[in-house]
Amino acid sequence: MLLAPSKKALVPFVSVANMMRLVHHVGVEIFLKELTDAIEADFARWPEFDKTPRLGSHSHDGVIELMPTSDGQIYSFKYVNGHPKNMAQGLQTVTAFGLLADVATGYPVLQTEMTVLTALRTAATSAMAARHLAPKSSRTMAIIGNGAQCEFQALAMRAVLGIESVRLFDIDPKATEKALRNLAGSGFETVACTSAQAAIEGADIITTCTADKAFATILTDNMVGAGVHINAIGGDCPGKTELHPDILKRADTFVEYPPQTWIEGEIQQMPKDYPITELWRVVTGETEGRRDPRQITLFDSVGFAIEDFSALRYVREKIRDTQFFEELDMIADPDDPRDLFGMLSRAAG
């Protein structure tokens, strides 16, 4: 006879539907701003975390990765894929789910979708970096690559930095049309551009987020003027870049976790003595971010597990005392911890 699971067996689970309900309940821009602050708070205690490059299984079609970390009290991981060819089949390029666990017991304490949440945390991380690296007077941004990440990036930059104008370019005009449609009525001045060169004219922040899994040149050196901040988030696997190496030679480059960024980021094009700065050192005030109005700053972002940890921790707090989750029977809980077989046997009756 099957008995109802005990409370110890139940793990909160946030489905895609409940994640979307939660975001709208909080407010998209408030959610992004609060998530930006949560990520920055964890960057400020960076040395407390276990850190390792993500574990990737690469194929001709894409990559499947696991991204683990722990601060000694809470453990987290994210499962995520990246398959650029999926879009031609009507599928997402990136899907993900994640889990938090109590280090003291090993018991999971949260499981959640992370396809929507990864888009939010990526945008929040970009905004957190720009808060330290972009010109303080930034009001215009260019987004080159108007896919799934585009609108999240724009809204996060407005919520955190006050961006007012967004200039858009994608090699697929339908992607730009989609972005214009989604941002209509949101208060932005939006401009559809016919080239990357046109998009970056007058932009204080340039975000590149293309999906092609190749060494690409989205920006060339002659396109980038003094004083801009480049938010390069498209390069996220070996053999995939977006910037010409000459841009990196002129820029001060900031990264999340160097052992991962050397494998996956823009800096994979550069010699190993190329100077980089870990972003957490800027967050803590250990080193400078933007120090000169004419300085070109580059956030060579590939996404790191601590950002997912922050997002999961944030969601766990936000769902308390709400209806935006369900409980899954995930943990076997026999009356006697040694008698797992007895629990199975009794279930047959």
Protein backbone atom coordinates (compact mmCIF):
# COMPACT_ATOMS: atom_id res chain seq x y z
CA MET A 1 0.00 0.00 0.00
CA LEU A 2 1.47 3.35 -1.06
CA LEU A 3 1.52 5.93 1.70
CA ALA A 4 1.62 9.69 1.29
CA PRO A 5 5.22 10.96 1.26
CA SER A 6 6.56 12.58 4.41
CA LYS A 7 7.64 16.21 4.50
CA LYS A 8 11.26 15.05 4.39
CA ALA A 9 10.61 13.52 0.97
CA LEU A 10 9.28 16.72 -0.60
CA VAL A 11 11.42 19.21 -2.51
CA PRO A 12 10.10 22.58 -3.73
CA PHE A 13 9.97 22.68 -7.54
CA VAL A 14 9.50 25.80 -9.68
CA SER A 15 8.10 24.96 -13.10
CA VAL A 16 8.36 27.19 -16.15
CA ALA A 17 4.78 28.35 -15.56
CA ASN A 18 5.47 29.20 -11.92
CA MET A 19 8.77 30.93 -12.77
CA MET A 20 6.92 33.20 -15.18
CA ARG A 21 4.21 33.83 -12.58
CA LEU A 22 6.87 34.68 -10.01
CA VAL A 23 8.65 37.12 -12.33
CA HIS A 24 5.41 38.94 -13.14
CA HIS A 25 4.41 38.95 -9.47
CA VAL A 26 7.70 40.66 -8.54
CA GLY A 27 7.87 42.77 -11.73
CA VAL A 28 10.39 42.03 -14.49
CA GLU A 29 12.65 45.03 -13.88
CA ILE A 30 12.45 44.74 -10.09
CA PHE A 31 13.32 41.05 -10.42
CA LEU A 32 16.32 41.92 -12.61
CA LYS A 33 17.51 44.66 -10.26
CA GLU A 34 17.20 42.48 -7.17
CA LEU A 35 18.91 39.60 -8.96
CA THR A 36 21.74 41.95 -10.00
CA ASP A 37 22.23 42.85 -6.34
CA ALA A 38 22.14 39.17 -5.31
CA ILE A 39 24.83 38.27 -7.86
CA GLU A 40 26.99 41.20 -6.80
CA ALA A 41 26.68 40.15 -3.15
CA ASP A 42 28.02 36.70 -4.03
CA PHE A 43 30.83 38.14 -6.19
CA ALA A 44 31.80 40.17 -3.11
CA ARG A 45 32.45 36.88 -1.25
CA TRP A 46 34.02 35.08 -4.21
CA PRO A 47 36.85 33.38 -2.23
CA GLU A 48 34.26 31.44 -0.18
CA PHE A 49 33.10 29.40 -3.19
CA ASP A 50 34.33 26.16 -4.71
CA LYS A 51 35.24 26.97 -8.30
CA THR A 52 35.82 24.77 -11.33
CA PRO A 53 35.32 25.23 -15.07
CA ARG A 54 32.01 23.78 -16.17
CA LEU A 55 32.01 20.19 -17.30
CA GLY A 56 31.18 20.07 -20.99
CA SER A 57 30.23 17.27 -23.35
CA HIS A 58 30.81 18.69 -26.84
CA SER A 59 29.41 17.30 -30.07
CA HIS A 60 29.11 18.42 -33.66
CA ASP A 61 25.64 19.80 -32.87
CA GLY A 62 26.30 21.58 -29.59
CA VAL A 63 27.30 21.17 -25.98
CA ILE A 64 25.74 19.82 -22.77
CA GLU A 65 27.25 21.16 -19.55
CA LEU A 66 27.08 20.85 -15.78
CA MET A 67 27.93 23.92 -13.67
CA PRO A 68 28.52 23.15 -9.96
CA THR A 69 29.61 25.29 -7.02
CA SER A 70 29.23 25.57 -3.23
CA ASP A 71 29.86 28.17 -0.54
CA GLY A 72 30.30 25.45 2.08
CA GLN A 73 26.70 25.65 3.27
CA ILE A 74 24.66 25.42 0.07
CA TYR A 75 25.59 23.44 -3.03
CA SER A 76 24.19 24.16 -6.48
CA PHE A 77 24.44 22.89 -9.99
CA LYS A 78 22.90 23.75 -13.34
CA TYR A 79 22.37 21.50 -16.33
CA VAL A 80 22.49 23.56 -19.52
CA ASN A 81 22.85 22.93 -23.22
CA GLY A 82 23.82 25.10 -26.17
CA HIS A 83 22.63 23.94 -29.60
CA PRO A 84 22.54 26.80 -32.15
CA LYS A 85 21.00 24.56 -34.85
CA ASN A 86 17.94 23.94 -32.66
CA MET A 87 16.23 27.13 -33.79
CA ALA A 88 15.80 25.74 -37.32
CA GLN A 89 13.75 22.93 -35.75
CA GLY A 90 11.62 25.26 -33.68
CA LEU A 91 13.59 24.44 -30.50
CA GLN A 92 15.37 26.62 -27.95
CA THR A 93 19.12 27.10 -28.42
CA VAL A 94 19.59 26.97 -24.64
CA THR A 95 17.60 24.98 -22.06
CA ALA A 96 18.43 24.48 -18.41
CA PHE A 97 17.36 23.33 -14.98
CA GLY A 98 19.06 23.66 -11.60
CA LEU A 99 19.16 22.45 -8.03
CA LEU A 100 20.16 23.70 -4.57
CA ALA A 101 21.15 21.30 -1.80
CA ASP A 102 21.99 21.54 1.90
CA VAL A 103 25.69 20.72 2.30
CA ALA A 104 25.16 19.45 5.87
CA THR A 105 22.74 16.69 4.83
CA GLY A 106 23.12 16.47 1.06
CA TYR A 107 19.34 16.83 0.74
CA PRO A 108 18.02 18.93 -2.17
CA VAL A 109 16.15 22.05 -1.01
CA LEU A 110 15.08 23.45 -4.40
CA GLN A 111 14.72 22.30 -7.98
CA THR A 112 13.74 24.72 -10.70
CA GLU A 113 13.56 25.36 -14.41
CA MET A 114 16.46 27.55 -15.51
CA THR A 115 15.78 28.29 -19.16
CA VAL A 116 13.93 31.48 -18.23
CA LEU A 117 16.03 31.98 -15.10
CA THR A 118 19.33 31.72 -17.03
CA ALA A 119 18.21 34.49 -19.37
CA LEU A 120 17.41 36.64 -16.35
CA ARG A 121 20.66 35.87 -14.52
CA THR A 122 22.76 36.46 -17.65
CA ALA A 123 21.17 39.88 -18.10
CA ALA A 124 21.57 40.67 -14.40
CA THR A 125 25.25 39.69 -14.53
CA SER A 126 25.77 41.95 -17.55
CA ALA A 127 24.14 44.83 -15.67
CA MET A 128 26.21 44.14 -12.57
CA ALA A 129 29.42 44.29 -14.61
CA ALA A 130 28.28 47.42 -16.45
CA ARG A 131 27.52 49.12 -13.14
CA HIS A 132 31.26 48.94 -12.42
CA LEU A 133 32.70 49.23 -15.93
CA ALA A 134 30.42 51.30 -18.19
CA PRO A 135 30.45 55.11 -18.34
CA LYS A 136 28.25 56.49 -15.56
CA SER A 137 26.38 58.64 -18.07
CA SER A 138 25.42 55.66 -20.27
CA ARG A 139 21.97 56.09 -21.82
CA THR A 140 22.30 54.28 -25.18
CA MET A 141 23.13 50.64 -25.83
CA ALA A 142 23.56 48.59 -28.97
CA ILE A 143 22.56 44.94 -29.07
CA ILE A 144 24.03 42.87 -31.88
CA GLY A 145 22.24 39.54 -31.95
CA ASN A 146 18.53 39.97 -31.23
CA GLY A 147 17.66 36.43 -30.16
CA ALA A 148 16.32 35.06 -26.89
CA GLN A 149 18.63 37.13 -24.66
CA CYS A 150 18.01 40.52 -26.29
CA GLU A 151 15.06 41.95 -24.37
CA PHE A 152 16.36 40.72 -21.01
CA GLN A 153 19.65 42.54 -21.60
CA ALA A 154 17.88 45.78 -22.46
CA LEU A 155 15.55 45.68 -19.45
CA ALA A 156 18.37 44.84 -17.04
CA MET A 157 20.50 47.72 -18.31
CA ARG A 158 17.57 50.08 -17.85
CA ALA A 159 16.71 48.78 -14.39
CA VAL A 160 20.29 49.09 -13.14
CA LEU A 161 21.90 51.84 -15.26
CA GLY A 162 18.99 53.87 -16.64
CA ILE A 163 19.49 53.01 -20.31
CA GLU A 164 16.91 54.85 -22.45
CA SER A 165 17.72 54.00 -26.07
CA VAL A 166 18.38 50.58 -27.66
CA ARG A 167 19.88 50.16 -31.13
CA LEU A 168 19.27 46.71 -32.62
CA PHE A 169 20.91 44.63 -35.34
CA ASP A 170 20.68 40.98 -36.33
CA ILE A 171 21.56 39.25 -39.59
CA ASP A 172 18.00 37.86 -39.44
CA PRO A 173 15.56 40.80 -39.75
CA LYS A 174 12.84 38.66 -38.15
CA ALA A 175 14.83 38.58 -34.90
CA THR A 176 14.99 42.38 -34.85
CA GLU A 177 11.27 42.60 -35.64
CA LYS A 178 10.61 40.29 -32.69
CA ALA A 179 12.69 42.47 -30.36
CA LEU A 180 10.98 45.65 -31.55
CA ARG A 181 7.58 44.05 -30.99
CA ASN A 182 8.46 42.87 -27.48
CA LEU A 183 9.97 46.21 -26.44
CA ALA A 184 7.14 48.28 -27.91
CA GLY A 185 5.38 50.27 -25.23
CA SER A 186 8.13 49.61 -22.68
CA GLY A 187 9.38 53.21 -22.73
CA PHE A 188 12.57 52.58 -24.71
CA GLU A 189 13.55 54.48 -27.80
CA THR A 190 14.22 51.53 -30.13
CA VAL A 191 16.07 51.79 -33.44
CA ALA A 192 16.33 48.97 -35.98
CA CYS A 193 19.67 49.10 -37.76
CA THR A 194 20.84 47.52 -41.01
CA SER A 195 24.40 46.73 -39.88
CA ALA A 196 26.49 46.25 -36.76
CA GLN A 197 28.36 49.44 -37.67
CA ALA A 198 25.13 51.43 -37.71
CA ALA A 199 23.94 49.86 -34.44
CA ILE A 200 26.98 50.94 -32.42
CA GLU A 201 26.89 54.59 -33.54
CA GLY A 202 26.42 56.69 -30.42
CA ALA A 203 26.22 53.66 -28.10
CA ASP A 204 27.82 53.82 -24.67
CA ILE A 205 27.39 50.06 -24.15
CA ILE A 206 27.75 47.48 -26.93
CA THR A 207 26.34 44.02 -26.23
CA THR A 208 27.18 41.16 -28.57
CA CYS A 209 25.07 38.04 -28.13
CA THR A 210 25.11 36.01 -31.31
CA ALA A 211 24.55 32.26 -31.38
CA ASP A 212 26.78 31.00 -34.20
CA LYS A 213 29.17 28.38 -32.83
CA ALA A 214 32.26 29.63 -34.69
CA PHE A 215 35.13 32.08 -34.65
CA ALA A 216 33.21 35.12 -35.91
CA THR A 217 34.05 38.79 -36.27
CA ILE A 218 30.97 40.68 -35.15
CA LEU A 219 33.00 43.78 -34.27
CA THR A 220 36.23 44.92 -35.93
CA ASP A 221 38.77 47.24 -34.35
CA ASN A 222 37.91 50.25 -36.51
CA MET A 223 34.28 50.08 -35.35
CA VAL A 224 35.02 50.60 -31.65
CA GLY A 225 35.67 54.12 -30.45
CA ALA A 226 37.14 55.31 -27.17
CA GLY A 227 35.13 55.34 -23.96
CA VAL A 228 32.70 52.48 -24.66
CA HIS A 229 31.91 49.40 -22.62
CA ILE A 230 31.64 46.12 -24.53
CA ASN A 231 29.52 43.40 -23.03
CA ALA A 232 30.57 40.28 -24.95
CA ILE A 233 28.28 37.44 -23.92
CA GLY A 234 28.06 35.36 -27.10
CA GLY A 235 31.40 33.59 -26.78
CA ASP A 236 30.68 30.72 -24.40
CA CYS A 237 32.45 27.63 -25.73
CA PRO A 238 35.76 26.64 -27.32
CA GLY A 239 36.02 27.83 -30.89
CA LYS A 240 33.36 30.55 -30.53
CA THR A 241 34.21 34.26 -30.43
CA GLU A 242 32.68 37.54 -31.60
CA LEU A 243 35.42 40.20 -31.42
CA HIS A 244 38.47 40.82 -33.58
CA PRO A 245 41.63 40.30 -31.49
CA ASP A 246 42.76 43.89 -32.15
CA ILE A 247 39.83 45.12 -30.03
CA LEU A 248 41.15 43.12 -27.08
CA LYS A 249 44.58 44.70 -27.52
CA ARG A 250 43.03 48.14 -26.93
CA ALA A 251 40.62 47.15 -24.16
CA ASP A 252 40.91 46.48 -20.45
CA THR A 253 39.35 43.04 -20.16
CA PHE A 254 37.42 41.74 -17.16
CA VAL A 255 36.42 38.10 -16.69
CA GLU A 256 34.54 35.84 -14.29
CA TYR A 257 36.74 32.77 -13.72
CA PRO A 258 39.96 32.79 -15.78
CA PRO A 259 40.42 28.99 -16.14
CA GLN A 260 36.98 28.84 -17.79
CA THR A 261 37.27 32.07 -19.79
CA TRP A 262 40.61 31.03 -21.33
CA ILE A 263 38.82 27.99 -22.74
CA GLU A 264 35.56 29.60 -23.83
CA GLY A 265 35.80 33.40 -23.95
CA GLU A 266 37.12 36.04 -26.31
CA ILE A 267 40.53 35.71 -24.67
CA GLN A 268 40.97 32.22 -26.13
CA GLN A 269 42.32 34.15 -29.15
CA MET A 270 45.04 35.85 -27.11
CA PRO A 271 48.49 34.78 -25.82
CA LYS A 272 48.57 33.53 -22.23
CA ASP A 273 50.34 36.68 -21.05
CA TYR A 274 47.39 38.83 -22.13
CA PRO A 275 46.37 40.89 -19.06
CA ILE A 276 42.93 40.24 -17.56
CA THR A 277 41.21 41.29 -14.34
CA GLU A 278 38.80 39.11 -12.37
CA LEU A 279 35.54 41.03 -11.95
CA TRP A 280 35.12 40.06 -8.29
CA ARG A 281 38.24 42.09 -7.49
CA VAL A 282 36.51 45.19 -8.88
CA VAL A 283 33.33 44.44 -6.93
CA THR A 284 35.27 44.24 -3.66
CA GLY A 285 37.24 47.43 -4.43
CA GLU A 286 40.53 45.54 -4.58
CA THR A 287 41.19 46.94 -8.07
CA GLU A 288 39.76 49.61 -10.35
CA GLY A 289 37.13 49.10 -13.01
CA ARG A 290 36.55 52.16 -15.17
CA ARG A 291 39.22 54.72 -14.37
CA ASP A 292 39.33 56.87 -17.53
CA PRO A 293 36.57 58.40 -19.70
CA ARG A 294 38.38 57.22 -22.87
CA GLN A 295 39.03 53.71 -21.58
CA ILE A 296 37.53 50.79 -23.49
CA THR A 297 36.27 48.19 -21.03
CA LEU A 298 35.37 44.66 -22.06
CA PHE A 299 33.39 42.18 -19.98
CA ASP A 300 34.34 38.85 -21.53
CA SER A 301 31.43 36.94 -20.04
CA VAL A 302 30.98 33.20 -20.51
CA GLY A 303 28.63 32.61 -17.56
CA PHE A 304 29.82 31.01 -14.34
CA ALA A 305 28.28 28.70 -11.75
CA ILE A 306 28.31 31.29 -8.95
CA GLU A 307 25.84 33.39 -10.96
CA ASP A 308 23.50 30.39 -11.11
CA PHE A 309 23.99 29.82 -7.37
CA SER A 310 22.92 33.44 -6.79
CA ALA A 311 19.87 33.05 -9.01
CA LEU A 312 18.79 29.83 -7.31
CA ARG A 313 19.32 31.33 -3.86
CA TYR A 314 17.30 34.39 -4.87
CA VAL A 315 14.41 32.31 -6.20
CA ARG A 316 14.37 30.15 -3.08
CA GLU A 317 13.85 33.26 -0.97
CA LYS A 318 11.24 34.79 -3.28
CA ILE A 319 8.98 31.71 -3.32
CA ARG A 320 8.70 31.52 0.47
CA ASP A 321 5.07 31.89 1.56
CA THR A 322 3.84 31.94 -2.05
CA GLN A 323 2.00 29.56 -4.37
CA PHE A 324 4.67 29.78 -7.07
CA PHE A 325 6.01 26.26 -6.54
CA GLU A 326 4.89 22.70 -6.04
CA GLU A 327 6.39 19.93 -3.94
CA LEU A 328 7.94 16.88 -5.62
CA ASP A 329 8.29 13.51 -3.91
CA MET A 330 12.03 13.17 -4.59
CA ILE A 331 13.67 11.75 -1.46
CA ALA A 332 13.02 8.24 -0.19
CA ASP A 333 12.18 8.51 3.54
CA PRO A 334 11.82 5.07 5.19
CA ASP A 335 10.80 4.89 8.86
CA ASP A 336 14.20 3.32 9.52
CA PRO A 337 16.96 4.94 7.40
CA ARG A 338 18.59 1.50 7.12
CA ASP A 339 15.45 -0.21 5.82
CA LEU A 340 15.06 1.11 2.27
CA PHE A 341 14.14 -2.36 0.98
CA GLY A 342 11.43 -2.68 3.63
CA MET A 343 9.92 0.57 2.39
CA LEU A 344 9.93 -0.79 -1.15
CA SER A 345 8.40 -4.09 -0.06
CA ARG A 346 5.57 -2.47 1.87
CA ALA A 347 4.69 -0.40 -1.19
CA ALA A 348 3.70 -3.60 -3.03
CA GLY A 349 0.83 -4.21 -0.61
